[in-house]
Amino acid sequence: EEADCQVLNEAFVHRIVHGRPFGILKY
């Protein structure tokens, strides 16, 4: 179930890989 695991922690992964928080734009 890797795809679902990646989505759940996409923000954590982005933080580790890019050195920034994961940003969501809502409007």
PDB file of all heavy atoms in Angstrom:
ATOM      1  N   GLU A   1       0.835  -1.215   0.000  1.00  0.00           N
ATOM      2  CA  GLU A   1       0.000   0.000   0.000  1.00  0.00           C
ATOM      3  C   GLU A   1       0.866   1.259   0.000  1.00  0.00           C
ATOM      4  O   GLU A   1       0.541   2.272   0.649  1.00  0.00           O
ATOM      5  CB  GLU A   1      -0.947   0.006   1.212  1.00  0.00           C
ATOM      6  CG  GLU A   1      -1.884  -1.179   1.275  1.00  0.00           C
ATOM      7  CD  GLU A   1      -2.934  -1.182   0.149  1.00  0.00           C
ATOM      8  OE1 GLU A   1      -2.582  -1.597  -0.975  1.00  0.00           O
ATOM      9  OE2 GLU A   1      -4.068  -0.774   0.401  1.00  0.00           O
ATOM     10  N   GLU A   2       1.954   1.213  -0.748  1.00  0.00           N
ATOM     11  CA  GLU A   2       2.936   2.299  -0.716  1.00  0.00           C
ATOM     12  C   GLU A   2       2.356   3.642  -1.151  1.00  0.00           C
ATOM     13  O   GLU A   2       2.679   4.681  -0.571  1.00  0.00           O
ATOM     14  CB  GLU A   2       4.143   1.953  -1.582  1.00  0.00           C
ATOM     15  CG  GLU A   2       5.237   3.004  -1.533  1.00  0.00           C
ATOM     16  CD  GLU A   2       6.505   2.589  -2.240  1.00  0.00           C
ATOM     17  OE1 GLU A   2       6.508   1.530  -2.903  1.00  0.00           O
ATOM     18  OE2 GLU A   2       7.504   3.316  -2.133  1.00  0.00           O
ATOM     19  N   ALA A   3       1.503   3.641  -2.172  1.00  0.00           N
ATOM     20  CA  ALA A   3       0.945   4.907  -2.660  1.00  0.00           C
ATOM     21  C   ALA A   3       0.168   5.615  -1.555  1.00  0.00           C
ATOM     22  O   ALA A   3       0.312   6.827  -1.349  1.00  0.00           O
ATOM     23  CB  ALA A   3       0.048   4.656  -3.869  1.00  0.00           C
ATOM     24  N   ASP A   4      -0.647   4.866  -0.823  1.00  0.00           N
ATOM     25  CA  ASP A   4      -1.420   5.462   0.266  1.00  0.00           C
ATOM     26  C   ASP A   4      -0.507   5.917   1.397  1.00  0.00           C
ATOM     27  O   ASP A   4      -0.769   6.949   2.041  1.00  0.00           O
ATOM     28  CB  ASP A   4      -2.445   4.462   0.800  1.00  0.00           C
ATOM     29  CG  ASP A   4      -3.613   4.250  -0.159  1.00  0.00           C
ATOM     30  OD1 ASP A   4      -3.712   5.007  -1.142  1.00  0.00           O
ATOM     31  OD2 ASP A   4      -4.412   3.328   0.077  1.00  0.00           O
ATOM     32  N   CYS A   5       0.549   5.170   1.637  1.00  0.00           N
ATOM     33  CA  CYS A   5       1.507   5.554   2.677  1.00  0.00           C
ATOM     34  C   CYS A   5       2.227   6.849   2.307  1.00  0.00           C
ATOM     35  O   CYS A   5       2.462   7.712   3.161  1.00  0.00           O
ATOM     36  CB  CYS A   5       2.524   4.434   2.901  1.00  0.00           C
ATOM     37  SG  CYS A   5       1.824   2.920   3.601  1.00  0.00           S
ATOM     38  N   GLN A   6       2.560   7.000   1.044  1.00  0.00           N
ATOM     39  CA  GLN A   6       3.234   8.207   0.580  1.00  0.00           C
ATOM     40  C   GLN A   6       2.324   9.423   0.716  1.00  0.00           C
ATOM     41  O   GLN A   6       2.764  10.498   1.146  1.00  0.00           O
ATOM     42  CB  GLN A   6       3.662   8.045  -0.888  1.00  0.00           C
ATOM     43  CG  GLN A   6       4.803   7.068  -1.121  1.00  0.00           C
ATOM     44  CD  GLN A   6       6.176   7.674  -0.847  1.00  0.00           C
ATOM     45  OE1 GLN A   6       6.308   8.859  -0.536  1.00  0.00           O
ATOM     46  NE2 GLN A   6       7.206   6.855  -0.964  1.00  0.00           N
ATOM     47  N   VAL A   7       1.048   9.274   0.366  1.00  0.00           N
ATOM     48  CA  VAL A   7       0.107  10.390   0.455  1.00  0.00           C
ATOM     49  C   VAL A   7      -0.076  10.818   1.907  1.00  0.00           C
ATOM     50  O   VAL A   7      -0.096  12.018   2.220  1.00  0.00           O
ATOM     51  CB  VAL A   7      -1.253  10.015  -0.174  1.00  0.00           C
ATOM     52  CG1 VAL A   7      -2.308  11.070   0.156  1.00  0.00           C
ATOM     53  CG2 VAL A   7      -1.113   9.864  -1.679  1.00  0.00           C
ATOM     54  N   LEU A   8      -0.213   9.857   2.812  1.00  0.00           N
ATOM     55  CA  LEU A   8      -0.418  10.199   4.218  1.00  0.00           C
ATOM     56  C   LEU A   8       0.715  11.065   4.752  1.00  0.00           C
ATOM     57  O   LEU A   8       0.480  12.032   5.489  1.00  0.00           O
ATOM     58  CB  LEU A   8      -0.531   8.930   5.062  1.00  0.00           C
ATOM     59  CG  LEU A   8      -0.714   9.174   6.565  1.00  0.00           C
ATOM     60  CD1 LEU A   8      -2.076   9.783   6.859  1.00  0.00           C
ATOM     61  CD2 LEU A   8      -0.503   7.899   7.359  1.00  0.00           C
ATOM     62  N   ASN A   9       1.943  10.752   4.370  1.00  0.00           N
ATOM     63  CA  ASN A   9       3.104  11.479   4.889  1.00  0.00           C
ATOM     64  C   ASN A   9       3.789  12.338   3.835  1.00  0.00           C
ATOM     65  O   ASN A   9       4.993  12.595   3.913  1.00  0.00           O
ATOM     66  CB  ASN A   9       4.103  10.493   5.503  1.00  0.00           C
ATOM     67  CG  ASN A   9       3.737  10.135   6.932  1.00  0.00           C
ATOM     68  OD1 ASN A   9       3.500  11.010   7.761  1.00  0.00           O
ATOM     69  ND2 ASN A   9       3.678   8.840   7.220  1.00  0.00           N
ATOM     70  N   GLU A  10       3.005  12.839   2.858  1.00  0.00           N
ATOM     71  CA  GLU A  10       3.604  13.650   1.800  1.00  0.00           C
ATOM     72  C   GLU A  10       4.253  14.916   2.356  1.00  0.00           C
ATOM     73  O   GLU A  10       5.269  15.383   1.834  1.00  0.00           O
ATOM     74  CB  GLU A  10       2.574  13.992   0.731  1.00  0.00           C
ATOM     75  CG  GLU A  10       1.391  14.816   1.221  1.00  0.00           C
ATOM     76  CD  GLU A  10       0.329  15.001   0.144  1.00  0.00           C
ATOM     77  OE1 GLU A  10       0.469  14.420  -0.954  1.00  0.00           O
ATOM     78  OE2 GLU A  10      -0.658  15.723   0.404  1.00  0.00           O
ATOM     79  N   ALA A  11       3.692  15.479   3.414  1.00  0.00           N
ATOM     80  CA  ALA A  11       4.268  16.693   3.999  1.00  0.00           C
ATOM     81  C   ALA A  11       5.598  16.385   4.683  1.00  0.00           C
ATOM     82  O   ALA A  11       6.570  17.139   4.539  1.00  0.00           O
ATOM     83  CB  ALA A  11       3.291  17.309   4.995  1.00  0.00           C
ATOM     84  N   PHE A  12       5.653  15.288   5.408  1.00  0.00           N
ATOM     85  CA  PHE A  12       6.897  14.876   6.060  1.00  0.00           C
ATOM     86  C   PHE A  12       7.982  14.606   5.022  1.00  0.00           C
ATOM     87  O   PHE A  12       9.128  15.042   5.175  1.00  0.00           O
ATOM     88  CB  PHE A  12       6.642  13.630   6.904  1.00  0.00           C
ATOM     89  CG  PHE A  12       7.892  12.950   7.397  1.00  0.00           C
ATOM     90  CD1 PHE A  12       8.643  13.492   8.432  1.00  0.00           C
ATOM     91  CD2 PHE A  12       8.325  11.754   6.824  1.00  0.00           C
ATOM     92  CE1 PHE A  12       9.800  12.872   8.886  1.00  0.00           C
ATOM     93  CE2 PHE A  12       9.471  11.128   7.276  1.00  0.00           C
ATOM     94  CZ  PHE A  12      10.216  11.682   8.305  1.00  0.00           C
ATOM     95  N   VAL A  13       7.618  13.904   3.954  1.00  0.00           N
ATOM     96  CA  VAL A  13       8.579  13.598   2.893  1.00  0.00           C
ATOM     97  C   VAL A  13       9.093  14.884   2.252  1.00  0.00           C
ATOM     98  O   VAL A  13      10.299  15.051   2.029  1.00  0.00           O
ATOM     99  CB  VAL A  13       7.940  12.683   1.826  1.00  0.00           C
ATOM    100  CG1 VAL A  13       8.879  12.516   0.628  1.00  0.00           C
ATOM    101  CG2 VAL A  13       7.604  11.320   2.418  1.00  0.00           C
ATOM    102  N   HIS A  14       8.180  15.819   1.962  1.00  0.00           N
ATOM    103  CA  HIS A  14       8.582  17.089   1.343  1.00  0.00           C
ATOM    104  C   HIS A  14       9.530  17.847   2.258  1.00  0.00           C
ATOM    105  O   HIS A  14      10.528  18.437   1.806  1.00  0.00           O
ATOM    106  CB  HIS A  14       7.350  17.937   1.040  1.00  0.00           C
ATOM    107  CG  HIS A  14       7.662  19.213   0.316  1.00  0.00           C
ATOM    108  ND1 HIS A  14       7.820  19.283  -1.044  1.00  0.00           N
ATOM    109  CD2 HIS A  14       7.886  20.469   0.783  1.00  0.00           C
ATOM    110  CE1 HIS A  14       8.104  20.526  -1.398  1.00  0.00           C
ATOM    111  NE2 HIS A  14       8.161  21.264  -0.304  1.00  0.00           N
ATOM    112  N   ARG A  15       9.231  17.879   3.537  1.00  0.00           N
ATOM    113  CA  ARG A  15      10.085  18.577   4.501  1.00  0.00           C
ATOM    114  C   ARG A  15      11.496  17.992   4.508  1.00  0.00           C
ATOM    115  O   ARG A  15      12.490  18.713   4.508  1.00  0.00           O
ATOM    116  CB  ARG A  15       9.464  18.462   5.900  1.00  0.00           C
ATOM    117  CG  ARG A  15      10.349  18.998   7.009  1.00  0.00           C
ATOM    118  CD  ARG A  15       9.765  18.753   8.401  1.00  0.00           C
ATOM    119  NE  ARG A  15      10.757  19.094   9.404  1.00  0.00           N
ATOM    120  CZ  ARG A  15      10.973  20.323   9.864  1.00  0.00           C
ATOM    121  NH1 ARG A  15      10.233  21.325   9.411  1.00  0.00           N
ATOM    122  NH2 ARG A  15      11.901  20.562  10.748  1.00  0.00           N
ATOM    123  N   ILE A  16      11.590  16.663   4.484  1.00  0.00           N
ATOM    124  CA  ILE A  16      12.898  15.990   4.512  1.00  0.00           C
ATOM    125  C   ILE A  16      13.667  16.239   3.219  1.00  0.00           C
ATOM    126  O   ILE A  16      14.855  16.567   3.230  1.00  0.00           O
ATOM    127  CB  ILE A  16      12.726  14.476   4.741  1.00  0.00           C
ATOM    128  CG1 ILE A  16      12.190  14.195   6.153  1.00  0.00           C
ATOM    129  CG2 ILE A  16      14.034  13.745   4.512  1.00  0.00           C
ATOM    130  CD1 ILE A  16      13.126  14.556   7.276  1.00  0.00           C
ATOM    131  N   VAL A  17      12.983  16.103   2.095  1.00  0.00           N
ATOM    132  CA  VAL A  17      13.646  16.181   0.783  1.00  0.00           C
ATOM    133  C   VAL A  17      14.009  17.616   0.404  1.00  0.00           C
ATOM    134  O   VAL A  17      15.095  17.885  -0.120  1.00  0.00           O
ATOM    135  CB  VAL A  17      12.760  15.545  -0.310  1.00  0.00           C
ATOM    136  CG1 VAL A  17      13.364  15.760  -1.694  1.00  0.00           C
ATOM    137  CG2 VAL A  17      12.573  14.057  -0.038  1.00  0.00           C
ATOM    138  N   HIS A  18      13.103  18.579   0.691  1.00  0.00           N
ATOM    139  CA  HIS A  18      13.283  19.953   0.213  1.00  0.00           C
ATOM    140  C   HIS A  18      13.669  20.942   1.309  1.00  0.00           C
ATOM    141  O   HIS A  18      13.973  22.104   1.006  1.00  0.00           O
ATOM    142  CB  HIS A  18      12.008  20.429  -0.481  1.00  0.00           C
ATOM    143  CG  HIS A  18      11.646  19.638  -1.711  1.00  0.00           C
ATOM    144  ND1 HIS A  18      12.292  19.793  -2.908  1.00  0.00           N
ATOM    145  CD2 HIS A  18      10.730  18.664  -1.908  1.00  0.00           C
ATOM    146  CE1 HIS A  18      11.767  18.967  -3.804  1.00  0.00           C
ATOM    147  NE2 HIS A  18      10.827  18.271  -3.223  1.00  0.00           N
ATOM    148  N   GLY A  19      13.645  20.526   2.564  1.00  0.00           N
ATOM    149  CA  GLY A  19      14.021  21.434   3.641  1.00  0.00           C
ATOM    150  C   GLY A  19      13.042  22.569   3.849  1.00  0.00           C
ATOM    151  O   GLY A  19      13.404  23.655   4.294  1.00  0.00           O
ATOM    152  N   ARG A  20      11.771  22.318   3.537  1.00  0.00           N
ATOM    153  CA  ARG A  20      10.699  23.295   3.717  1.00  0.00           C
ATOM    154  C   ARG A  20       9.412  22.570   4.069  1.00  0.00           C
ATOM    155  O   ARG A  20       9.233  21.410   3.682  1.00  0.00           O
ATOM    156  CB  ARG A  20      10.443  24.081   2.428  1.00  0.00           C
ATOM    157  CG  ARG A  20      11.243  25.353   2.264  1.00  0.00           C
ATOM    158  CD  ARG A  20      10.721  26.107   1.063  1.00  0.00           C
ATOM    159  NE  ARG A  20      11.459  27.333   0.798  1.00  0.00           N
ATOM    160  CZ  ARG A  20      11.169  28.170  -0.175  1.00  0.00           C
ATOM    161  NH1 ARG A  20      10.164  27.888  -1.001  1.00  0.00           N
ATOM    162  NH2 ARG A  20      11.870  29.264  -0.355  1.00  0.00           N
ATOM    163  N   PRO A  21       8.480  23.252   4.742  1.00  0.00           N
ATOM    164  CA  PRO A  21       7.166  22.634   4.943  1.00  0.00           C
ATOM    165  C   PRO A  21       6.443  22.440   3.611  1.00  0.00           C
ATOM    166  O   PRO A  21       6.765  23.085   2.617  1.00  0.00           O
ATOM    167  CB  PRO A  21       6.426  23.652   5.821  1.00  0.00           C
ATOM    168  CG  PRO A  21       7.500  24.479   6.452  1.00  0.00           C
ATOM    169  CD  PRO A  21       8.602  24.542   5.432  1.00  0.00           C
ATOM    170  N   PHE A  22       5.464  21.573   3.624  1.00  0.00           N
ATOM    171  CA  PHE A  22       4.616  21.295   2.478  1.00  0.00           C
ATOM    172  C   PHE A  22       3.506  22.344   2.452  1.00  0.00           C
ATOM    173  O   PHE A  22       2.823  22.564   3.450  1.00  0.00           O
ATOM    174  CB  PHE A  22       4.029  19.893   2.623  1.00  0.00           C
ATOM    175  CG  PHE A  22       3.170  19.420   1.491  1.00  0.00           C
ATOM    176  CD1 PHE A  22       3.739  18.891   0.344  1.00  0.00           C
ATOM    177  CD2 PHE A  22       1.782  19.476   1.584  1.00  0.00           C
ATOM    178  CE1 PHE A  22       2.948  18.427  -0.692  1.00  0.00           C
ATOM    179  CE2 PHE A  22       0.978  19.017   0.558  1.00  0.00           C
ATOM    180  CZ  PHE A  22       1.564  18.488  -0.585  1.00  0.00           C
ATOM    181  N   GLY A  23       3.323  23.011   1.309  1.00  0.00           N
ATOM    182  CA  GLY A  23       2.351  24.091   1.217  1.00  0.00           C
ATOM    183  C   GLY A  23       1.102  23.701   0.453  1.00  0.00           C
ATOM    184  O   GLY A  23       1.169  23.106  -0.627  1.00  0.00           O
ATOM    185  N   ILE A  24      -0.050  24.024   1.029  1.00  0.00           N
ATOM    186  CA  ILE A  24      -1.349  23.802   0.383  1.00  0.00           C
ATOM    187  C   ILE A  24      -2.033  25.152   0.206  1.00  0.00           C
ATOM    188  O   ILE A  24      -2.182  25.907   1.172  1.00  0.00           O
ATOM    189  CB  ILE A  24      -2.263  22.883   1.219  1.00  0.00           C
ATOM    190  CG1 ILE A  24      -1.585  21.536   1.490  1.00  0.00           C
ATOM    191  CG2 ILE A  24      -3.605  22.667   0.509  1.00  0.00           C
ATOM    192  CD1 ILE A  24      -2.349  20.655   2.451  1.00  0.00           C
ATOM    193  N   LEU A  25      -2.428  25.478  -1.007  1.00  0.00           N
ATOM    194  CA  LEU A  25      -3.178  26.705  -1.272  1.00  0.00           C
ATOM    195  C   LEU A  25      -4.656  26.350  -1.363  1.00  0.00           C
ATOM    196  O   LEU A  25      -5.060  25.532  -2.186  1.00  0.00           O
ATOM    197  CB  LEU A  25      -2.715  27.356  -2.577  1.00  0.00           C
ATOM    198  CG  LEU A  25      -3.533  28.559  -3.060  1.00  0.00           C
ATOM    199  CD1 LEU A  25      -3.466  29.708  -2.062  1.00  0.00           C
ATOM    200  CD2 LEU A  25      -3.056  29.010  -4.437  1.00  0.00           C
ATOM    201  N   LYS A  26      -5.450  26.966  -0.489  1.00  0.00           N
ATOM    202  CA  LYS A  26      -6.895  26.736  -0.478  1.00  0.00           C
ATOM    203  C   LYS A  26      -7.614  28.025  -0.832  1.00  0.00           C
ATOM    204  O   LYS A  26      -7.289  29.087  -0.321  1.00  0.00           O
ATOM    205  CB  LYS A  26      -7.327  26.260   0.910  1.00  0.00           C
ATOM    206  CG  LYS A  26      -8.796  25.840   1.023  1.00  0.00           C
ATOM    207  CD  LYS A  26      -9.814  26.969   1.152  1.00  0.00           C
ATOM    208  CE  LYS A  26      -9.584  27.869   2.322  1.00  0.00           C
ATOM    209  NZ  LYS A  26     -10.634  28.979   2.375  1.00  0.00           N
ATOM    210  N   TYR A  27      -8.573  27.944  -1.746  1.00  0.00           N
ATOM    211  CA  TYR A  27      -9.404  29.112  -2.021  1.00  0.00           C
ATOM    212  C   TYR A  27     -10.784  28.662  -2.472  1.00  0.00           C
ATOM    213  O   TYR A  27     -10.985  27.518  -2.888  1.00  0.00           O
ATOM    214  CB  TYR A  27      -8.763  30.037  -3.053  1.00  0.00           C
ATOM    215  CG  TYR A  27      -8.466  29.417  -4.402  1.00  0.00           C
ATOM    216  CD1 TYR A  27      -9.450  29.290  -5.376  1.00  0.00           C
ATOM    217  CD2 TYR A  27      -7.174  28.992  -4.706  1.00  0.00           C
ATOM    218  CE1 TYR A  27      -9.165  28.730  -6.613  1.00  0.00           C
ATOM    219  CE2 TYR A  27      -6.880  28.426  -5.939  1.00  0.00           C
ATOM    220  CZ  TYR A  27      -7.881  28.305  -6.893  1.00  0.00           C
ATOM    221  OH  TYR A  27      -7.602  27.753  -8.112  1.00  0.00           O
TER     222      TYR A  27
END
